[in-house]
Amino acid sequence: MKMLVIYTHPNHQSLSYAFLEQVIQGSSENTHIEEIQVLDLYEVGFNPVLVFNKEQRRRDMHAVPELEKYREQIIWADKIVLIYPIWWGRPPAMLLGYIDRMFASDFAYKDKGGLLPEGLLKGRSVICISTMKGPAMYPLLWLNNAHKVLMKRALFQYVGIKKVTFFEFGNMERKQGKQAAKLHKIYRHFKTIAR
């Protein structure tokens, strides 16, 4: 299995980065994972701004030359892992900008004229690892599960990815947030996953 890890947090001293380290550690001890690529969106200076004008038309997004290496990563991966904080009930703007630019028509999906498109990224799976200051039940009870609906239904199922697993960790800024146990849970998961 080939795994692409997309890390989206501007601080390498953050808890999100500690989760990235556990993903890498667990995966390195898993014989089912052949290779890992890590894409740190802030570190590489990914430009999240979507632009349409006379020179850049929406219909040509799938072929923007500067994004070719990122398209190759997505095609290469069997599993995509996203690590990010929940800010204002949703992923950071940097990650949403990556999604806006990368999951383009004729790359991630193909319009067929019907209600739903044909997803072109079938066969892959996704794991979303997110942290938040508030309680873990906050997105479900207060926001009607908007984060999971956005990621699973509006994005990944649309492009043909059916298997989406979530690890949403709440109370991460509290001393009693059980951070060590949650980090170990991620390490164990990646050490043992088979597909």
C-alpha atoms as a PDB file:
ATOM      1  CA  MET A   1       0.000   0.000   0.000  1.00  0.00           C
ATOM      2  CA  LYS A   2       1.243   3.481  -0.922  1.00  0.00           C
ATOM      3  CA  MET A   3       0.185   6.287   1.393  1.00  0.00           C
ATOM      4  CA  LEU A   4       0.048  10.045   0.867  1.00  0.00           C
ATOM      5  CA  VAL A   5      -0.092  12.071   4.098  1.00  0.00           C
ATOM      6  CA  ILE A   6      -1.249  15.672   3.695  1.00  0.00           C
ATOM      7  CA  TYR A   7      -0.337  17.723   6.753  1.00  0.00           C
ATOM      8  CA  THR A   8      -2.000  21.104   7.196  1.00  0.00           C
ATOM      9  CA  HIS A   9      -0.862  23.128  10.193  1.00  0.00           C
ATOM     10  CA  PRO A  10       1.557  26.095  10.191  1.00  0.00           C
ATOM     11  CA  ASN A  11       3.312  25.050  13.409  1.00  0.00           C
ATOM     12  CA  HIS A  12       5.613  22.029  13.762  1.00  0.00           C
ATOM     13  CA  GLN A  13       5.348  22.310  17.556  1.00  0.00           C
ATOM     14  CA  SER A  14       1.601  21.640  17.381  1.00  0.00           C
ATOM     15  CA  LEU A  15      -0.375  18.607  18.459  1.00  0.00           C
ATOM     16  CA  SER A  16      -1.261  18.098  14.800  1.00  0.00           C
ATOM     17  CA  TYR A  17       2.449  17.618  14.092  1.00  0.00           C
ATOM     18  CA  ALA A  18       2.661  15.095  16.943  1.00  0.00           C
ATOM     19  CA  PHE A  19      -0.140  13.157  15.197  1.00  0.00           C
ATOM     20  CA  LEU A  20       1.864  13.304  11.953  1.00  0.00           C
ATOM     21  CA  GLU A  21       4.861  11.818  13.764  1.00  0.00           C
ATOM     22  CA  GLN A  22       2.705   8.965  15.103  1.00  0.00           C
ATOM     23  CA  VAL A  23       1.292   8.260  11.636  1.00  0.00           C
ATOM     24  CA  ILE A  24       4.840   8.042  10.250  1.00  0.00           C
ATOM     25  CA  GLN A  25       6.125   5.931  13.156  1.00  0.00           C
ATOM     26  CA  GLY A  26       3.235   3.451  13.054  1.00  0.00           C
ATOM     27  CA  SER A  27       3.351   3.215   9.258  1.00  0.00           C
ATOM     28  CA  SER A  28       7.101   2.574   9.248  1.00  0.00           C
ATOM     29  CA  GLU A  29       6.458  -0.500  11.424  1.00  0.00           C
ATOM     30  CA  ASN A  30       3.647  -1.813   9.199  1.00  0.00           C
ATOM     31  CA  THR A  31       4.670  -4.327   6.529  1.00  0.00           C
ATOM     32  CA  HIS A  32       1.489  -3.583   4.523  1.00  0.00           C
ATOM     33  CA  ILE A  33       2.661  -0.015   3.863  1.00  0.00           C
ATOM     34  CA  GLU A  34       5.314  -0.026   1.148  1.00  0.00           C
ATOM     35  CA  GLU A  35       5.924   3.693   0.831  1.00  0.00           C
ATOM     36  CA  ILE A  36       4.859   6.995   2.386  1.00  0.00           C
ATOM     37  CA  GLN A  37       4.965  10.496   0.939  1.00  0.00           C
ATOM     38  CA  VAL A  38       4.319  13.482   3.212  1.00  0.00           C
ATOM     39  CA  LEU A  39       3.014  16.731   1.771  1.00  0.00           C
ATOM     40  CA  ASP A  40       3.258  19.608   4.269  1.00  0.00           C
ATOM     41  CA  LEU A  41       1.148  22.284   2.575  1.00  0.00           C
ATOM     42  CA  TYR A  42       2.560  25.186   4.592  1.00  0.00           C
ATOM     43  CA  GLU A  43       6.165  24.036   4.318  1.00  0.00           C
ATOM     44  CA  VAL A  44       6.059  23.691   0.517  1.00  0.00           C
ATOM     45  CA  GLY A  45       4.261  27.040   0.211  1.00  0.00           C
ATOM     46  CA  PHE A  46       1.266  25.554  -1.598  1.00  0.00           C
ATOM     47  CA  ASN A  47      -0.782  28.337  -3.194  1.00  0.00           C
ATOM     48  CA  PRO A  48      -4.408  27.709  -2.131  1.00  0.00           C
ATOM     49  CA  VAL A  49      -5.879  30.575  -4.164  1.00  0.00           C
ATOM     50  CA  LEU A  50      -8.208  29.497  -6.942  1.00  0.00           C
ATOM     51  CA  VAL A  51      -8.141  31.905  -9.912  1.00  0.00           C
ATOM     52  CA  PHE A  52     -10.319  31.945 -13.020  1.00  0.00           C
ATOM     53  CA  ASN A  53      -9.725  34.558 -15.715  1.00  0.00           C
ATOM     54  CA  LYS A  54      -9.033  34.814 -19.448  1.00  0.00           C
ATOM     55  CA  GLU A  55      -5.747  32.937 -19.077  1.00  0.00           C
ATOM     56  CA  GLN A  56      -6.942  30.339 -16.523  1.00  0.00           C
ATOM     57  CA  ARG A  57     -10.310  28.859 -17.333  1.00  0.00           C
ATOM     58  CA  ARG A  58     -12.180  26.561 -15.000  1.00  0.00           C
ATOM     59  CA  ARG A  59     -12.447  23.830 -17.617  1.00  0.00           C
ATOM     60  CA  ASP A  60      -8.620  23.680 -17.764  1.00  0.00           C
ATOM     61  CA  MET A  61      -7.974  23.286 -14.010  1.00  0.00           C
ATOM     62  CA  HIS A  62      -7.110  19.594 -14.400  1.00  0.00           C
ATOM     63  CA  ALA A  63      -4.089  20.527 -16.525  1.00  0.00           C
ATOM     64  CA  VAL A  64      -2.510  23.456 -14.630  1.00  0.00           C
ATOM     65  CA  PRO A  65       1.242  22.715 -14.982  1.00  0.00           C
ATOM     66  CA  GLU A  66       2.269  23.908 -11.486  1.00  0.00           C
ATOM     67  CA  LEU A  67      -0.080  21.303  -9.936  1.00  0.00           C
ATOM     68  CA  GLU A  68       1.167  18.299 -11.931  1.00  0.00           C
ATOM     69  CA  LYS A  69       3.398  16.959  -9.127  1.00  0.00           C
ATOM     70  CA  TYR A  70       0.456  17.100  -6.686  1.00  0.00           C
ATOM     71  CA  ARG A  71      -1.840  15.317  -9.162  1.00  0.00           C
ATOM     72  CA  GLU A  72       0.826  12.610  -9.540  1.00  0.00           C
ATOM     73  CA  GLN A  73       0.873  12.147  -5.744  1.00  0.00           C
ATOM     74  CA  ILE A  74      -2.900  11.607  -5.621  1.00  0.00           C
ATOM     75  CA  ILE A  75      -2.823   9.140  -8.532  1.00  0.00           C
ATOM     76  CA  TRP A  76       0.113   7.296  -6.924  1.00  0.00           C
ATOM     77  CA  ALA A  77      -1.583   6.870  -3.520  1.00  0.00           C
ATOM     78  CA  ASP A  78      -3.754   3.950  -2.430  1.00  0.00           C
ATOM     79  CA  LYS A  79      -4.549   5.723   0.831  1.00  0.00           C
ATOM     80  CA  ILE A  80      -4.724   9.464   1.515  1.00  0.00           C
ATOM     81  CA  VAL A  81      -4.326  10.666   5.104  1.00  0.00           C
ATOM     82  CA  LEU A  82      -5.297  14.226   6.016  1.00  0.00           C
ATOM     83  CA  ILE A  83      -4.043  15.721   9.297  1.00  0.00           C
ATOM     84  CA  TYR A  84      -5.454  19.112  10.259  1.00  0.00           C
ATOM     85  CA  PRO A  85      -7.087  21.138  13.043  1.00  0.00           C
ATOM     86  CA  ILE A  86     -10.760  22.073  13.039  1.00  0.00           C
ATOM     87  CA  TRP A  87     -10.993  25.869  12.980  1.00  0.00           C
ATOM     88  CA  TRP A  88     -14.433  27.509  12.970  1.00  0.00           C
ATOM     89  CA  GLY A  89     -16.059  24.111  12.487  1.00  0.00           C
ATOM     90  CA  ARG A  90     -14.130  23.203   9.350  1.00  0.00           C
ATOM     91  CA  PRO A  91     -10.626  22.395   8.046  1.00  0.00           C
ATOM     92  CA  PRO A  92      -8.126  25.256   7.583  1.00  0.00           C
ATOM     93  CA  ALA A  93      -8.416  27.481   4.511  1.00  0.00           C
ATOM     94  CA  MET A  94      -5.062  26.084   3.276  1.00  0.00           C
ATOM     95  CA  LEU A  95      -6.512  22.565   3.054  1.00  0.00           C
ATOM     96  CA  LEU A  96      -9.763  23.787   1.518  1.00  0.00           C
ATOM     97  CA  GLY A  97      -7.729  25.692  -1.072  1.00  0.00           C
ATOM     98  CA  TYR A  98      -5.783  22.516  -1.862  1.00  0.00           C
ATOM     99  CA  ILE A  99      -9.098  20.729  -2.347  1.00  0.00           C
ATOM    100  CA  ASP A 100     -10.468  23.543  -4.540  1.00  0.00           C
ATOM    101  CA  ARG A 101      -7.456  23.421  -6.837  1.00  0.00           C
ATOM    102  CA  MET A 102      -6.714  19.694  -6.888  1.00  0.00           C
ATOM    103  CA  PHE A 103     -10.100  17.983  -7.092  1.00  0.00           C
ATOM    104  CA  ALA A 104     -10.882  19.374 -10.533  1.00  0.00           C
ATOM    105  CA  SER A 105     -13.183  18.140 -13.273  1.00  0.00           C
ATOM    106  CA  ASP A 106     -11.478  15.686 -15.665  1.00  0.00           C
ATOM    107  CA  PHE A 107      -8.998  14.774 -12.928  1.00  0.00           C
ATOM    108  CA  ALA A 108     -11.062  13.872  -9.848  1.00  0.00           C
ATOM    109  CA  TYR A 109     -14.465  13.510 -11.512  1.00  0.00           C
ATOM    110  CA  LYS A 110     -16.126  13.658 -14.908  1.00  0.00           C
ATOM    111  CA  ASP A 111     -19.461  15.312 -15.571  1.00  0.00           C
ATOM    112  CA  LYS A 112     -21.821  12.957 -17.366  1.00  0.00           C
ATOM    113  CA  GLY A 113     -24.821  15.269 -17.633  1.00  0.00           C
ATOM    114  CA  GLY A 114     -26.750  13.491 -14.883  1.00  0.00           C
ATOM    115  CA  LEU A 115     -27.348  14.233 -11.222  1.00  0.00           C
ATOM    116  CA  LEU A 116     -23.950  12.896 -10.092  1.00  0.00           C
ATOM    117  CA  PRO A 117     -20.624  12.767 -11.911  1.00  0.00           C
ATOM    118  CA  GLU A 118     -18.387   9.787 -12.436  1.00  0.00           C
ATOM    119  CA  GLY A 119     -15.773   9.699  -9.676  1.00  0.00           C
ATOM    120  CA  LEU A 120     -12.309   9.216 -11.168  1.00  0.00           C
ATOM    121  CA  LEU A 121     -10.467   8.467  -7.906  1.00  0.00           C
ATOM    122  CA  LYS A 122     -12.131   5.129  -7.167  1.00  0.00           C
ATOM    123  CA  GLY A 123     -10.199   2.442  -5.329  1.00  0.00           C
ATOM    124  CA  ARG A 124      -8.566   4.782  -2.844  1.00  0.00           C
ATOM    125  CA  SER A 125      -9.406   5.257   0.811  1.00  0.00           C
ATOM    126  CA  VAL A 126      -9.063   8.280   3.084  1.00  0.00           C
ATOM    127  CA  ILE A 127      -8.351   8.824   6.777  1.00  0.00           C
ATOM    128  CA  CYS A 128      -9.068  12.248   8.299  1.00  0.00           C
ATOM    129  CA  ILE A 129      -7.309  13.027  11.590  1.00  0.00           C
ATOM    130  CA  SER A 130      -8.501  16.281  13.126  1.00  0.00           C
ATOM    131  CA  THR A 131      -8.093  18.075  16.422  1.00  0.00           C
ATOM    132  CA  MET A 132     -10.223  20.744  18.022  1.00  0.00           C
ATOM    133  CA  LYS A 133     -10.310  22.855  21.139  1.00  0.00           C
ATOM    134  CA  GLY A 134     -13.964  22.105  21.919  1.00  0.00           C
ATOM    135  CA  PRO A 135     -15.520  18.796  22.966  1.00  0.00           C
ATOM    136  CA  ALA A 136     -15.567  15.936  20.470  1.00  0.00           C
ATOM    137  CA  MET A 137     -19.382  15.954  20.331  1.00  0.00           C
ATOM    138  CA  TYR A 138     -19.502  19.665  19.421  1.00  0.00           C
ATOM    139  CA  PRO A 139     -19.507  19.137  15.601  1.00  0.00           C
ATOM    140  CA  LEU A 140     -22.232  16.507  15.860  1.00  0.00           C
ATOM    141  CA  LEU A 141     -24.569  18.236  18.330  1.00  0.00           C
ATOM    142  CA  TRP A 142     -24.015  21.890  17.461  1.00  0.00           C
ATOM    143  CA  LEU A 143     -23.030  21.834  13.779  1.00  0.00           C
ATOM    144  CA  ASN A 144     -25.086  18.855  12.530  1.00  0.00           C
ATOM    145  CA  ASN A 145     -21.917  16.960  11.664  1.00  0.00           C
ATOM    146  CA  ALA A 146     -21.018  19.552   9.022  1.00  0.00           C
ATOM    147  CA  HIS A 147     -17.308  18.624   9.006  1.00  0.00           C
ATOM    148  CA  LYS A 148     -17.903  14.947   8.235  1.00  0.00           C
ATOM    149  CA  VAL A 149     -20.634  15.728   5.698  1.00  0.00           C
ATOM    150  CA  LEU A 150     -18.303  18.171   3.936  1.00  0.00           C
ATOM    151  CA  MET A 151     -15.380  15.768   3.768  1.00  0.00           C
ATOM    152  CA  LYS A 152     -17.172  12.468   3.163  1.00  0.00           C
ATOM    153  CA  ARG A 153     -20.230  13.300   1.085  1.00  0.00           C
ATOM    154  CA  ALA A 154     -19.514  16.629  -0.586  1.00  0.00           C
ATOM    155  CA  LEU A 155     -15.905  15.795  -1.466  1.00  0.00           C
ATOM    156  CA  PHE A 156     -14.720  12.202  -1.321  1.00  0.00           C
ATOM    157  CA  GLN A 157     -17.858  10.332  -2.380  1.00  0.00           C
ATOM    158  CA  TYR A 158     -18.271  12.850  -5.202  1.00  0.00           C
ATOM    159  CA  VAL A 159     -14.880  11.846  -6.625  1.00  0.00           C
ATOM    160  CA  GLY A 160     -15.453   8.110  -6.148  1.00  0.00           C
ATOM    161  CA  ILE A 161     -13.762   7.492  -2.782  1.00  0.00           C
ATOM    162  CA  LYS A 162     -16.180   5.453  -0.677  1.00  0.00           C
ATOM    163  CA  LYS A 163     -14.091   4.467   2.336  1.00  0.00           C
ATOM    164  CA  VAL A 164     -13.501   7.465   4.618  1.00  0.00           C
ATOM    165  CA  THR A 165     -12.443   7.003   8.253  1.00  0.00           C
ATOM    166  CA  PHE A 166     -12.500   9.840  10.798  1.00  0.00           C
ATOM    167  CA  PHE A 167     -10.524  10.412  13.969  1.00  0.00           C
ATOM    168  CA  GLU A 168     -11.929  13.607  15.514  1.00  0.00           C
ATOM    169  CA  PHE A 169     -10.170  14.466  18.753  1.00  0.00           C
ATOM    170  CA  GLY A 170     -11.774  17.078  20.991  1.00  0.00           C
ATOM    171  CA  ASN A 171     -10.671  18.927  24.158  1.00  0.00           C
ATOM    172  CA  MET A 172      -7.131  19.037  22.824  1.00  0.00           C
ATOM    173  CA  GLU A 173      -6.142  22.223  24.655  1.00  0.00           C
ATOM    174  CA  ARG A 174      -7.169  20.925  28.073  1.00  0.00           C
ATOM    175  CA  LYS A 175      -4.716  19.346  30.506  1.00  0.00           C
ATOM    176  CA  GLN A 176      -7.169  16.451  30.869  1.00  0.00           C
ATOM    177  CA  GLY A 177      -7.449  16.038  27.078  1.00  0.00           C
ATOM    178  CA  LYS A 178      -5.807  12.569  27.137  1.00  0.00           C
ATOM    179  CA  GLN A 179      -3.447  13.641  24.373  1.00  0.00           C
ATOM    180  CA  ALA A 180      -0.955  10.817  24.989  1.00  0.00           C
ATOM    181  CA  ALA A 181      -3.679   8.152  24.730  1.00  0.00           C
ATOM    182  CA  LYS A 182      -5.011   9.676  21.521  1.00  0.00           C
ATOM    183  CA  LEU A 183      -1.552   9.862  19.988  1.00  0.00           C
ATOM    184  CA  HIS A 184      -1.000   6.209  20.874  1.00  0.00           C
ATOM    185  CA  LYS A 185      -4.354   5.291  19.304  1.00  0.00           C
ATOM    186  CA  ILE A 186      -3.180   6.777  15.990  1.00  0.00           C
ATOM    187  CA  TYR A 187       0.201   5.032  16.248  1.00  0.00           C
ATOM    188  CA  ARG A 188      -1.542   1.660  16.848  1.00  0.00           C
ATOM    189  CA  HIS A 189      -3.990   2.220  13.995  1.00  0.00           C
ATOM    190  CA  PHE A 190      -1.253   2.903  11.454  1.00  0.00           C
ATOM    191  CA  LYS A 191       0.925   0.093  12.735  1.00  0.00           C
ATOM    192  CA  THR A 192      -1.852  -2.436  12.063  1.00  0.00           C
ATOM    193  CA  ILE A 193      -3.950  -1.251   9.090  1.00  0.00           C
ATOM    194  CA  ALA A 194      -3.861  -3.587   6.131  1.00  0.00           C
ATOM    195  CA  ARG A 195      -5.749  -1.505   3.514  1.00  0.00           C
END
